[in-house]
């Protein structure tokens, strides 16, 4: 099964402020806010949900290609994708636009101030699902609003089962929109906050939503995850991480594990554990695409973490 991964590509510029924001932002003067933070540490990472998920699926040996819109500054990212042997067949360059950019400043309390420029991501609707060939499985992750709406419709019209993973794109949609996504999708994926928001906005419980799709996957960070399918709830334990370096991108790594399980027709108990281990491996490294492993290493760690062979 070949997966089409629709979503964003972005450069993440991460800066570290060696102090605390609260020492420099006065609550009584936020109406005239004018602050400058010295950030001696800075790194630029390749990111975006589609890029991250495709990278992780490639590590697992899965078959997938990302679809997204990028800017004229994409050359360094393109070279990285080529080096990792990740397909660029369904990337569209938008002339006169930058690739989406996130500028993140973190202080010593792990508080963050982020500015996000969507750039080329706003044009994701210019890509069409039927531009891709040989696709048997889809994933719809955060992207431009119109692109997400149209790609869901195109997946449904083409009869391609897909997972709806709105992530940080949820604020773009009201309850009617979200309910329509659920009606079209085959699987739904959320973190625990997003799952609560989905219930509030649609007016439907997890049980009711689960009756509309084959499965709903809800991640809970270090507390593991829950998979609601076939009228039952499967509790998936978290895999132990050797260190907690950076949670950014863990959700994307987890979703790559879900795709791998679906592609290989694995049961949900094993699929969830593969996804959980992917998240644990990711959190041990800073950035979203800096971790790596061989399949033998992954299988050995899976056996060690869960007590049976993959």
C-alpha atoms as a PDB file:
ATOM      1  CA  UNK A   1       0.000   0.000   0.000  1.00  0.00           C
ATOM      2  CA  UNK A   2       1.353   3.414  -0.956  1.00  0.00           C
ATOM      3  CA  UNK A   3       0.448   6.371   1.281  1.00  0.00           C
ATOM      4  CA  UNK A   4      -0.048   9.972   0.163  1.00  0.00           C
ATOM      5  CA  UNK A   5       0.817  12.329   3.036  1.00  0.00           C
ATOM      6  CA  UNK A   6      -0.832  15.723   2.581  1.00  0.00           C
ATOM      7  CA  UNK A   7       0.405  18.538   4.786  1.00  0.00           C
ATOM      8  CA  UNK A   8       2.860  21.298   5.469  1.00  0.00           C
ATOM      9  CA  UNK A   9       6.558  21.774   4.848  1.00  0.00           C
ATOM     10  CA  UNK A  10       8.310  24.363   6.987  1.00  0.00           C
ATOM     11  CA  UNK A  11      11.600  25.683   8.230  1.00  0.00           C
ATOM     12  CA  UNK A  12      11.727  25.854  12.028  1.00  0.00           C
ATOM     13  CA  UNK A  13      14.114  28.469  13.401  1.00  0.00           C
ATOM     14  CA  UNK A  14      14.572  27.711  17.093  1.00  0.00           C
ATOM     15  CA  UNK A  15      16.240  30.236  19.403  1.00  0.00           C
ATOM     16  CA  UNK A  16      17.069  29.942  23.101  1.00  0.00           C
ATOM     17  CA  UNK A  17      16.793  32.910  25.467  1.00  0.00           C
ATOM     18  CA  UNK A  18      19.052  32.362  28.504  1.00  0.00           C
ATOM     19  CA  UNK A  19      16.645  34.026  30.904  1.00  0.00           C
ATOM     20  CA  UNK A  20      12.927  34.070  31.663  1.00  0.00           C
ATOM     21  CA  UNK A  21      10.357  36.021  29.688  1.00  0.00           C
ATOM     22  CA  UNK A  22       8.609  36.968  32.922  1.00  0.00           C
ATOM     23  CA  UNK A  23      11.650  38.986  33.965  1.00  0.00           C
ATOM     24  CA  UNK A  24      11.299  41.208  30.915  1.00  0.00           C
ATOM     25  CA  UNK A  25       7.582  41.362  30.164  1.00  0.00           C
ATOM     26  CA  UNK A  26       5.715  43.550  32.644  1.00  0.00           C
ATOM     27  CA  UNK A  27       2.021  42.572  32.804  1.00  0.00           C
ATOM     28  CA  UNK A  28       0.916  46.140  33.519  1.00  0.00           C
ATOM     29  CA  UNK A  29       2.684  47.390  30.380  1.00  0.00           C
ATOM     30  CA  UNK A  30       1.721  44.789  27.764  1.00  0.00           C
ATOM     31  CA  UNK A  31      -0.286  47.478  25.962  1.00  0.00           C
ATOM     32  CA  UNK A  32       3.034  49.170  25.074  1.00  0.00           C
ATOM     33  CA  UNK A  33       5.078  45.994  24.649  1.00  0.00           C
ATOM     34  CA  UNK A  34       8.510  46.586  23.142  1.00  0.00           C
ATOM     35  CA  UNK A  35      11.024  43.905  24.099  1.00  0.00           C
ATOM     36  CA  UNK A  36      14.166  42.430  22.591  1.00  0.00           C
ATOM     37  CA  UNK A  37      15.656  39.082  23.551  1.00  0.00           C
ATOM     38  CA  UNK A  38      19.306  38.145  23.044  1.00  0.00           C
ATOM     39  CA  UNK A  39      19.351  34.557  21.739  1.00  0.00           C
ATOM     40  CA  UNK A  40      22.933  33.204  21.613  1.00  0.00           C
ATOM     41  CA  UNK A  41      21.757  29.703  20.630  1.00  0.00           C
ATOM     42  CA  UNK A  42      19.940  29.182  17.347  1.00  0.00           C
ATOM     43  CA  UNK A  43      19.341  26.292  14.990  1.00  0.00           C
ATOM     44  CA  UNK A  44      17.343  25.852  11.823  1.00  0.00           C
ATOM     45  CA  UNK A  45      15.489  22.599  11.343  1.00  0.00           C
ATOM     46  CA  UNK A  46      13.562  20.984   8.523  1.00  0.00           C
ATOM     47  CA  UNK A  47       9.965  20.548   9.620  1.00  0.00           C
ATOM     48  CA  UNK A  48       6.305  20.666   8.686  1.00  0.00           C
ATOM     49  CA  UNK A  49       3.913  17.784   9.299  1.00  0.00           C
ATOM     50  CA  UNK A  50       4.105  16.186   5.845  1.00  0.00           C
ATOM     51  CA  UNK A  51       7.893  16.370   5.810  1.00  0.00           C
ATOM     52  CA  UNK A  52       8.199  14.947   9.309  1.00  0.00           C
ATOM     53  CA  UNK A  53       5.753  12.102   8.754  1.00  0.00           C
ATOM     54  CA  UNK A  54       7.355  11.141   5.436  1.00  0.00           C
ATOM     55  CA  UNK A  55      10.802  11.108   7.078  1.00  0.00           C
ATOM     56  CA  UNK A  56       9.627   8.810   9.876  1.00  0.00           C
ATOM     57  CA  UNK A  57       7.739   6.477   7.557  1.00  0.00           C
ATOM     58  CA  UNK A  58      10.882   6.155   5.438  1.00  0.00           C
ATOM     59  CA  UNK A  59      12.880   5.146   8.530  1.00  0.00           C
ATOM     60  CA  UNK A  60      10.402   2.333   9.120  1.00  0.00           C
ATOM     61  CA  UNK A  61      10.668   1.140   5.552  1.00  0.00           C
ATOM     62  CA  UNK A  62       7.122   2.221   4.707  1.00  0.00           C
ATOM     63  CA  UNK A  63       5.925   3.261   1.265  1.00  0.00           C
ATOM     64  CA  UNK A  64       4.795   6.854   1.119  1.00  0.00           C
ATOM     65  CA  UNK A  65       5.109  10.211  -0.600  1.00  0.00           C
ATOM     66  CA  UNK A  66       4.372  13.681   0.778  1.00  0.00           C
ATOM     67  CA  UNK A  67       2.230  16.252  -1.025  1.00  0.00           C
ATOM     68  CA  UNK A  68       2.633  19.938  -0.228  1.00  0.00           C
ATOM     69  CA  UNK A  69       3.393  23.427  -1.475  1.00  0.00           C
ATOM     70  CA  UNK A  70       6.781  25.052  -0.913  1.00  0.00           C
ATOM     71  CA  UNK A  71       8.494  28.344  -1.664  1.00  0.00           C
ATOM     72  CA  UNK A  72      11.407  29.382  -3.843  1.00  0.00           C
ATOM     73  CA  UNK A  73      13.716  29.058  -0.810  1.00  0.00           C
ATOM     74  CA  UNK A  74      13.155  25.286  -0.612  1.00  0.00           C
ATOM     75  CA  UNK A  75      16.471  24.168  -2.153  1.00  0.00           C
ATOM     76  CA  UNK A  76      18.237  23.180   1.130  1.00  0.00           C
ATOM     77  CA  UNK A  77      15.206  21.149   2.231  1.00  0.00           C
ATOM     78  CA  UNK A  78      14.964  19.547  -1.215  1.00  0.00           C
ATOM     79  CA  UNK A  79      18.603  18.457  -0.996  1.00  0.00           C
ATOM     80  CA  UNK A  80      17.919  16.923   2.424  1.00  0.00           C
ATOM     81  CA  UNK A  81      14.914  14.997   1.079  1.00  0.00           C
ATOM     82  CA  UNK A  82      16.974  13.689  -1.824  1.00  0.00           C
ATOM     83  CA  UNK A  83      19.689  12.535   0.578  1.00  0.00           C
ATOM     84  CA  UNK A  84      17.047  10.634   2.580  1.00  0.00           C
ATOM     85  CA  UNK A  85      15.505   9.181  -0.593  1.00  0.00           C
ATOM     86  CA  UNK A  86      12.119  10.786   0.112  1.00  0.00           C
ATOM     87  CA  UNK A  87       9.952  11.464  -2.929  1.00  0.00           C
ATOM     88  CA  UNK A  88       9.451  15.057  -4.117  1.00  0.00           C
ATOM     89  CA  UNK A  89       7.114  14.046  -6.935  1.00  0.00           C
ATOM     90  CA  UNK A  90       4.097  15.789  -5.423  1.00  0.00           C
ATOM     91  CA  UNK A  91       5.650  19.008  -4.150  1.00  0.00           C
ATOM     92  CA  UNK A  92       4.643  22.216  -5.896  1.00  0.00           C
ATOM     93  CA  UNK A  93       6.797  25.346  -5.773  1.00  0.00           C
ATOM     94  CA  UNK A  94       4.855  28.604  -5.449  1.00  0.00           C
ATOM     95  CA  UNK A  95       6.716  31.418  -7.167  1.00  0.00           C
ATOM     96  CA  UNK A  96       7.147  34.592  -5.141  1.00  0.00           C
ATOM     97  CA  UNK A  97       6.420  32.850  -1.822  1.00  0.00           C
ATOM     98  CA  UNK A  98       8.564  31.559   1.020  1.00  0.00           C
ATOM     99  CA  UNK A  99       8.274  28.045   2.383  1.00  0.00           C
ATOM    100  CA  UNK A 100       6.277  28.194   5.627  1.00  0.00           C
ATOM    101  CA  UNK A 101       8.433  29.422   8.504  1.00  0.00           C
ATOM    102  CA  UNK A 102       8.170  29.074  12.283  1.00  0.00           C
ATOM    103  CA  UNK A 103      10.317  31.315  14.495  1.00  0.00           C
ATOM    104  CA  UNK A 104      10.361  29.918  18.014  1.00  0.00           C
ATOM    105  CA  UNK A 105      12.032  31.546  21.024  1.00  0.00           C
ATOM    106  CA  UNK A 106      12.227  29.431  24.183  1.00  0.00           C
ATOM    107  CA  UNK A 107      13.173  30.680  27.649  1.00  0.00           C
ATOM    108  CA  UNK A 108      14.620  28.850  30.665  1.00  0.00           C
ATOM    109  CA  UNK A 109      11.141  27.891  31.872  1.00  0.00           C
ATOM    110  CA  UNK A 110      10.410  26.238  28.503  1.00  0.00           C
ATOM    111  CA  UNK A 111       7.899  28.963  27.673  1.00  0.00           C
ATOM    112  CA  UNK A 112       7.747  29.729  23.971  1.00  0.00           C
ATOM    113  CA  UNK A 113       6.966  32.718  21.810  1.00  0.00           C
ATOM    114  CA  UNK A 114       6.309  31.659  18.231  1.00  0.00           C
ATOM    115  CA  UNK A 115       5.701  33.584  15.034  1.00  0.00           C
ATOM    116  CA  UNK A 116       4.457  31.529  12.084  1.00  0.00           C
ATOM    117  CA  UNK A 117       4.434  32.608   8.450  1.00  0.00           C
ATOM    118  CA  UNK A 118       2.344  30.209   6.298  1.00  0.00           C
ATOM    119  CA  UNK A 119       3.750  31.394   2.971  1.00  0.00           C
ATOM    120  CA  UNK A 120       3.403  28.748   0.260  1.00  0.00           C
ATOM    121  CA  UNK A 121       1.254  26.585   2.544  1.00  0.00           C
ATOM    122  CA  UNK A 122      -1.701  28.885   1.752  1.00  0.00           C
ATOM    123  CA  UNK A 123      -1.666  27.522  -1.787  1.00  0.00           C
ATOM    124  CA  UNK A 124      -1.929  23.829  -0.911  1.00  0.00           C
ATOM    125  CA  UNK A 125      -5.300  23.618  -2.688  1.00  0.00           C
ATOM    126  CA  UNK A 126      -3.407  23.902  -5.987  1.00  0.00           C
ATOM    127  CA  UNK A 127      -2.332  20.288  -5.482  1.00  0.00           C
ATOM    128  CA  UNK A 128      -4.885  17.664  -6.412  1.00  0.00           C
ATOM    129  CA  UNK A 129      -5.131  14.140  -5.016  1.00  0.00           C
ATOM    130  CA  UNK A 130      -5.566  12.713  -8.511  1.00  0.00           C
ATOM    131  CA  UNK A 131      -2.159  14.164  -9.430  1.00  0.00           C
ATOM    132  CA  UNK A 132      -0.727  11.180  -7.545  1.00  0.00           C
ATOM    133  CA  UNK A 133      -0.769   7.638  -8.917  1.00  0.00           C
ATOM    134  CA  UNK A 134      -0.823   4.247  -7.213  1.00  0.00           C
ATOM    135  CA  UNK A 135      -2.154   5.663  -3.927  1.00  0.00           C
ATOM    136  CA  UNK A 136      -4.093   3.286  -1.709  1.00  0.00           C
ATOM    137  CA  UNK A 137      -3.996   5.155   1.615  1.00  0.00           C
ATOM    138  CA  UNK A 138      -4.030   8.833   2.600  1.00  0.00           C
ATOM    139  CA  UNK A 139      -3.223  11.047   5.528  1.00  0.00           C
ATOM    140  CA  UNK A 140      -4.539  14.590   5.836  1.00  0.00           C
ATOM    141  CA  UNK A 141      -2.386  16.592   8.269  1.00  0.00           C
ATOM    142  CA  UNK A 142      -2.297  20.362   9.020  1.00  0.00           C
ATOM    143  CA  UNK A 143      -2.031  22.460   5.849  1.00  0.00           C
ATOM    144  CA  UNK A 144      -3.764  25.426   4.239  1.00  0.00           C
ATOM    145  CA  UNK A 145      -7.461  25.552   5.139  1.00  0.00           C
ATOM    146  CA  UNK A 146      -8.835  25.296   1.614  1.00  0.00           C
ATOM    147  CA  UNK A 147      -6.332  22.605   0.755  1.00  0.00           C
ATOM    148  CA  UNK A 148      -7.454  20.447   3.691  1.00  0.00           C
ATOM    149  CA  UNK A 149     -11.112  20.826   2.729  1.00  0.00           C
ATOM    150  CA  UNK A 150     -10.536  20.006  -0.934  1.00  0.00           C
ATOM    151  CA  UNK A 151      -8.121  17.147  -0.309  1.00  0.00           C
ATOM    152  CA  UNK A 152     -10.589  15.443   2.043  1.00  0.00           C
ATOM    153  CA  UNK A 153     -13.266  15.687  -0.643  1.00  0.00           C
ATOM    154  CA  UNK A 154     -10.865  14.369  -3.291  1.00  0.00           C
ATOM    155  CA  UNK A 155      -9.781  11.413  -1.153  1.00  0.00           C
ATOM    156  CA  UNK A 156     -13.441  10.537  -0.564  1.00  0.00           C
ATOM    157  CA  UNK A 157     -14.410  10.926  -4.222  1.00  0.00           C
ATOM    158  CA  UNK A 158     -11.492   8.710  -5.275  1.00  0.00           C
ATOM    159  CA  UNK A 159     -12.498   6.047  -2.740  1.00  0.00           C
ATOM    160  CA  UNK A 160      -9.106   6.267  -1.011  1.00  0.00           C
ATOM    161  CA  UNK A 161      -9.299   5.605   2.763  1.00  0.00           C
ATOM    162  CA  UNK A 162      -7.598   8.387   4.697  1.00  0.00           C
ATOM    163  CA  UNK A 163      -6.749   9.508   8.201  1.00  0.00           C
ATOM    164  CA  UNK A 164      -7.843  12.976   9.297  1.00  0.00           C
ATOM    165  CA  UNK A 165      -5.186  14.462  11.590  1.00  0.00           C
ATOM    166  CA  UNK A 166      -6.067  18.159  12.066  1.00  0.00           C
ATOM    167  CA  UNK A 167      -3.451  18.932  14.732  1.00  0.00           C
ATOM    168  CA  UNK A 168      -2.714  22.622  15.095  1.00  0.00           C
ATOM    169  CA  UNK A 169      -5.022  23.284  12.141  1.00  0.00           C
ATOM    170  CA  UNK A 170      -8.151  22.646  14.243  1.00  0.00           C
ATOM    171  CA  UNK A 171      -8.795  26.332  15.053  1.00  0.00           C
ATOM    172  CA  UNK A 172      -9.442  26.933  11.335  1.00  0.00           C
ATOM    173  CA  UNK A 173     -12.601  24.819  11.394  1.00  0.00           C
ATOM    174  CA  UNK A 174     -15.967  25.038  13.129  1.00  0.00           C
ATOM    175  CA  UNK A 175     -18.049  22.109  14.315  1.00  0.00           C
ATOM    176  CA  UNK A 176     -19.823  21.668  10.982  1.00  0.00           C
ATOM    177  CA  UNK A 177     -16.499  21.504   9.138  1.00  0.00           C
ATOM    178  CA  UNK A 178     -15.019  19.004  11.587  1.00  0.00           C
ATOM    179  CA  UNK A 179     -18.087  16.789  11.446  1.00  0.00           C
ATOM    180  CA  UNK A 180     -17.887  16.723   7.654  1.00  0.00           C
ATOM    181  CA  UNK A 181     -14.231  15.666   7.836  1.00  0.00           C
ATOM    182  CA  UNK A 182     -15.261  12.822  10.143  1.00  0.00           C
ATOM    183  CA  UNK A 183     -17.982  11.747   7.723  1.00  0.00           C
ATOM    184  CA  UNK A 184     -15.427  11.501   4.916  1.00  0.00           C
ATOM    185  CA  UNK A 185     -12.472  10.004   6.803  1.00  0.00           C
ATOM    186  CA  UNK A 186     -11.739   6.372   7.609  1.00  0.00           C
ATOM    187  CA  UNK A 187      -9.668   7.117  10.735  1.00  0.00           C
ATOM    188  CA  UNK A 188      -9.307  10.126  13.059  1.00  0.00           C
ATOM    189  CA  UNK A 189      -6.159  11.043  15.013  1.00  0.00           C
ATOM    190  CA  UNK A 190      -5.898  13.602  17.836  1.00  0.00           C
ATOM    191  CA  UNK A 191      -3.939  14.418  20.946  1.00  0.00           C
ATOM    192  CA  UNK A 192      -6.029  14.541  24.113  1.00  0.00           C
ATOM    193  CA  UNK A 193      -6.643  18.304  23.884  1.00  0.00           C
ATOM    194  CA  UNK A 194      -7.702  18.082  20.252  1.00  0.00           C
ATOM    195  CA  UNK A 195     -10.016  15.176  21.054  1.00  0.00           C
ATOM    196  CA  UNK A 196     -11.785  17.289  23.692  1.00  0.00           C
ATOM    197  CA  UNK A 197     -12.034  20.189  21.253  1.00  0.00           C
ATOM    198  CA  UNK A 198     -13.446  17.880  18.580  1.00  0.00           C
ATOM    199  CA  UNK A 199     -16.168  16.724  20.978  1.00  0.00           C
ATOM    200  CA  UNK A 200     -17.024  20.264  22.066  1.00  0.00           C
ATOM    201  CA  UNK A 201     -17.241  21.641  18.538  1.00  0.00           C
ATOM    202  CA  UNK A 202     -19.167  18.751  16.984  1.00  0.00           C
ATOM    203  CA  UNK A 203     -21.370  18.046  19.996  1.00  0.00           C
ATOM    204  CA  UNK A 204     -20.548  14.360  19.694  1.00  0.00           C
ATOM    205  CA  UNK A 205     -18.813  12.095  22.194  1.00  0.00           C
ATOM    206  CA  UNK A 206     -15.784   9.983  21.381  1.00  0.00           C
ATOM    207  CA  UNK A 207     -18.070   6.940  21.318  1.00  0.00           C
ATOM    208  CA  UNK A 208     -20.375   8.622  18.801  1.00  0.00           C
ATOM    209  CA  UNK A 209     -17.475   9.787  16.637  1.00  0.00           C
ATOM    210  CA  UNK A 210     -15.891   6.313  16.787  1.00  0.00           C
ATOM    211  CA  UNK A 211     -19.130   4.919  15.359  1.00  0.00           C
ATOM    212  CA  UNK A 212     -18.581   7.038  12.255  1.00  0.00           C
ATOM    213  CA  UNK A 213     -15.076   5.743  11.416  1.00  0.00           C
ATOM    214  CA  UNK A 214     -13.014   2.578  11.640  1.00  0.00           C
ATOM    215  CA  UNK A 215     -10.910   3.935  14.511  1.00  0.00           C
ATOM    216  CA  UNK A 216     -10.061   7.033  16.526  1.00  0.00           C
ATOM    217  CA  UNK A 217      -6.558   7.341  17.924  1.00  0.00           C
ATOM    218  CA  UNK A 218      -5.969   9.695  20.875  1.00  0.00           C
ATOM    219  CA  UNK A 219      -2.429  10.292  22.149  1.00  0.00           C
ATOM    220  CA  UNK A 220      -1.726  11.304  25.762  1.00  0.00           C
ATOM    221  CA  UNK A 221       1.995  11.991  25.771  1.00  0.00           C
ATOM    222  CA  UNK A 222       3.855  10.021  28.403  1.00  0.00           C
ATOM    223  CA  UNK A 223       0.602   8.395  29.520  1.00  0.00           C
ATOM    224  CA  UNK A 224       0.318   6.392  26.323  1.00  0.00           C
ATOM    225  CA  UNK A 225      -2.564   6.444  23.858  1.00  0.00           C
ATOM    226  CA  UNK A 226      -6.064   5.076  23.364  1.00  0.00           C
ATOM    227  CA  UNK A 227      -7.523   3.554  20.215  1.00  0.00           C
ATOM    228  CA  UNK A 228     -11.313   3.446  19.932  1.00  0.00           C
ATOM    229  CA  UNK A 229     -12.383   0.840  17.384  1.00  0.00           C
ATOM    230  CA  UNK A 230     -15.115  -1.746  16.918  1.00  0.00           C
ATOM    231  CA  UNK A 231     -16.926  -0.689  20.071  1.00  0.00           C
ATOM    232  CA  UNK A 232     -13.907  -1.253  22.317  1.00  0.00           C
ATOM    233  CA  UNK A 233     -11.024   0.807  23.664  1.00  0.00           C
ATOM    234  CA  UNK A 234      -7.445  -0.388  23.275  1.00  0.00           C
ATOM    235  CA  UNK A 235      -5.020   1.161  25.749  1.00  0.00           C
ATOM    236  CA  UNK A 236      -1.499   1.470  24.339  1.00  0.00           C
ATOM    237  CA  UNK A 237       1.367   2.013  26.806  1.00  0.00           C
ATOM    238  CA  UNK A 238       4.039   4.585  26.122  1.00  0.00           C
ATOM    239  CA  UNK A 239       7.515   3.359  25.235  1.00  0.00           C
ATOM    240  CA  UNK A 240      10.267   4.447  27.595  1.00  0.00           C
ATOM    241  CA  UNK A 241      12.589   7.111  26.227  1.00  0.00           C
ATOM    242  CA  UNK A 242      16.263   7.170  27.174  1.00  0.00           C
ATOM    243  CA  UNK A 243      16.086  10.968  27.547  1.00  0.00           C
ATOM    244  CA  UNK A 244      13.590  13.779  27.041  1.00  0.00           C
ATOM    245  CA  UNK A 245      15.281  16.213  24.684  1.00  0.00           C
ATOM    246  CA  UNK A 246      12.582  17.758  22.513  1.00  0.00           C
ATOM    247  CA  UNK A 247       8.885  16.836  22.133  1.00  0.00           C
ATOM    248  CA  UNK A 248       8.526  18.753  18.854  1.00  0.00           C
ATOM    249  CA  UNK A 249       7.533  16.325  16.109  1.00  0.00           C
ATOM    250  CA  UNK A 250       6.663  13.401  18.374  1.00  0.00           C
ATOM    251  CA  UNK A 251       3.076  13.423  17.139  1.00  0.00           C
ATOM    252  CA  UNK A 252       4.278  13.242  13.537  1.00  0.00           C
ATOM    253  CA  UNK A 253       6.576  10.318  14.364  1.00  0.00           C
ATOM    254  CA  UNK A 254       3.624   8.570  16.042  1.00  0.00           C
ATOM    255  CA  UNK A 255       1.439   9.061  12.965  1.00  0.00           C
ATOM    256  CA  UNK A 256       4.109   7.545  10.746  1.00  0.00           C
ATOM    257  CA  UNK A 257       3.875   4.456  12.954  1.00  0.00           C
ATOM    258  CA  UNK A 258       0.122   4.370  12.413  1.00  0.00           C
ATOM    259  CA  UNK A 259       0.584   4.542   8.648  1.00  0.00           C
ATOM    260  CA  UNK A 260       3.135   1.743   8.762  1.00  0.00           C
ATOM    261  CA  UNK A 261       0.742  -0.490  10.712  1.00  0.00           C
ATOM    262  CA  UNK A 262      -2.113   0.221   8.321  1.00  0.00           C
ATOM    263  CA  UNK A 263       0.085  -0.429   5.292  1.00  0.00           C
ATOM    264  CA  UNK A 264       1.106  -3.789   6.680  1.00  0.00           C
ATOM    265  CA  UNK A 265      -2.361  -4.794   7.914  1.00  0.00           C
ATOM    266  CA  UNK A 266      -1.176  -5.091  11.519  1.00  0.00           C
ATOM    267  CA  UNK A 267      -3.580  -5.261  14.455  1.00  0.00           C
ATOM    268  CA  UNK A 268      -4.221  -2.050  16.392  1.00  0.00           C
ATOM    269  CA  UNK A 269      -2.402  -3.282  19.503  1.00  0.00           C
ATOM    270  CA  UNK A 270       0.839  -3.681  17.547  1.00  0.00           C
ATOM    271  CA  UNK A 271       0.265  -0.622  15.359  1.00  0.00           C
ATOM    272  CA  UNK A 272      -0.196   1.551  18.440  1.00  0.00           C
ATOM    273  CA  UNK A 273       2.995   0.209  20.005  1.00  0.00           C
ATOM    274  CA  UNK A 274       5.002   0.869  16.839  1.00  0.00           C
ATOM    275  CA  UNK A 275       3.664   4.422  16.871  1.00  0.00           C
ATOM    276  CA  UNK A 276       4.450   4.806  20.572  1.00  0.00           C
ATOM    277  CA  UNK A 277       8.039   3.667  20.092  1.00  0.00           C
ATOM    278  CA  UNK A 278       8.463   6.080  17.187  1.00  0.00           C
ATOM    279  CA  UNK A 279       7.454   8.944  19.476  1.00  0.00           C
ATOM    280  CA  UNK A 280       9.909   7.802  22.161  1.00  0.00           C
ATOM    281  CA  UNK A 281      12.783   7.603  19.682  1.00  0.00           C
ATOM    282  CA  UNK A 282      11.986  11.073  18.353  1.00  0.00           C
ATOM    283  CA  UNK A 283      11.857  12.748  21.771  1.00  0.00           C
ATOM    284  CA  UNK A 284      15.433  11.635  22.460  1.00  0.00           C
ATOM    285  CA  UNK A 285      16.784  13.994  19.779  1.00  0.00           C
ATOM    286  CA  UNK A 286      16.346  17.748  19.221  1.00  0.00           C
ATOM    287  CA  UNK A 287      14.551  18.738  16.044  1.00  0.00           C
ATOM    288  CA  UNK A 288      12.056  16.712  14.060  1.00  0.00           C
ATOM    289  CA  UNK A 289      14.230  14.864  11.531  1.00  0.00           C
ATOM    290  CA  UNK A 290      17.527  14.218  13.339  1.00  0.00           C
ATOM    291  CA  UNK A 291      16.816  10.752  14.756  1.00  0.00           C
ATOM    292  CA  UNK A 292      17.612   7.578  12.856  1.00  0.00           C
ATOM    293  CA  UNK A 293      17.822   3.806  13.341  1.00  0.00           C
ATOM    294  CA  UNK A 294      18.124   0.572  11.405  1.00  0.00           C
ATOM    295  CA  UNK A 295      15.169  -1.795  11.191  1.00  0.00           C
ATOM    296  CA  UNK A 296      17.086  -4.358  13.255  1.00  0.00           C
ATOM    297  CA  UNK A 297      17.613  -1.746  15.979  1.00  0.00           C
ATOM    298  CA  UNK A 298      13.935  -0.828  15.912  1.00  0.00           C
ATOM    299  CA  UNK A 299      12.790  -4.432  16.160  1.00  0.00           C
ATOM    300  CA  UNK A 300      15.162  -5.116  19.059  1.00  0.00           C
ATOM    301  CA  UNK A 301      13.939  -2.062  20.922  1.00  0.00           C
ATOM    302  CA  UNK A 302      10.313  -2.991  20.225  1.00  0.00           C
ATOM    303  CA  UNK A 303      10.867  -6.428  21.788  1.00  0.00           C
ATOM    304  CA  UNK A 304      12.603  -4.874  24.778  1.00  0.00           C
ATOM    305  CA  UNK A 305       9.834  -2.294  25.261  1.00  0.00           C
ATOM    306  CA  UNK A 306       6.776  -4.505  24.843  1.00  0.00           C
ATOM    307  CA  UNK A 307       7.871  -8.068  25.488  1.00  0.00           C
ATOM    308  CA  UNK A 308       7.166  -9.628  22.100  1.00  0.00           C
ATOM    309  CA  UNK A 309       8.715  -9.604  18.640  1.00  0.00           C
ATOM    310  CA  UNK A 310       7.477  -7.357  15.904  1.00  0.00           C
END
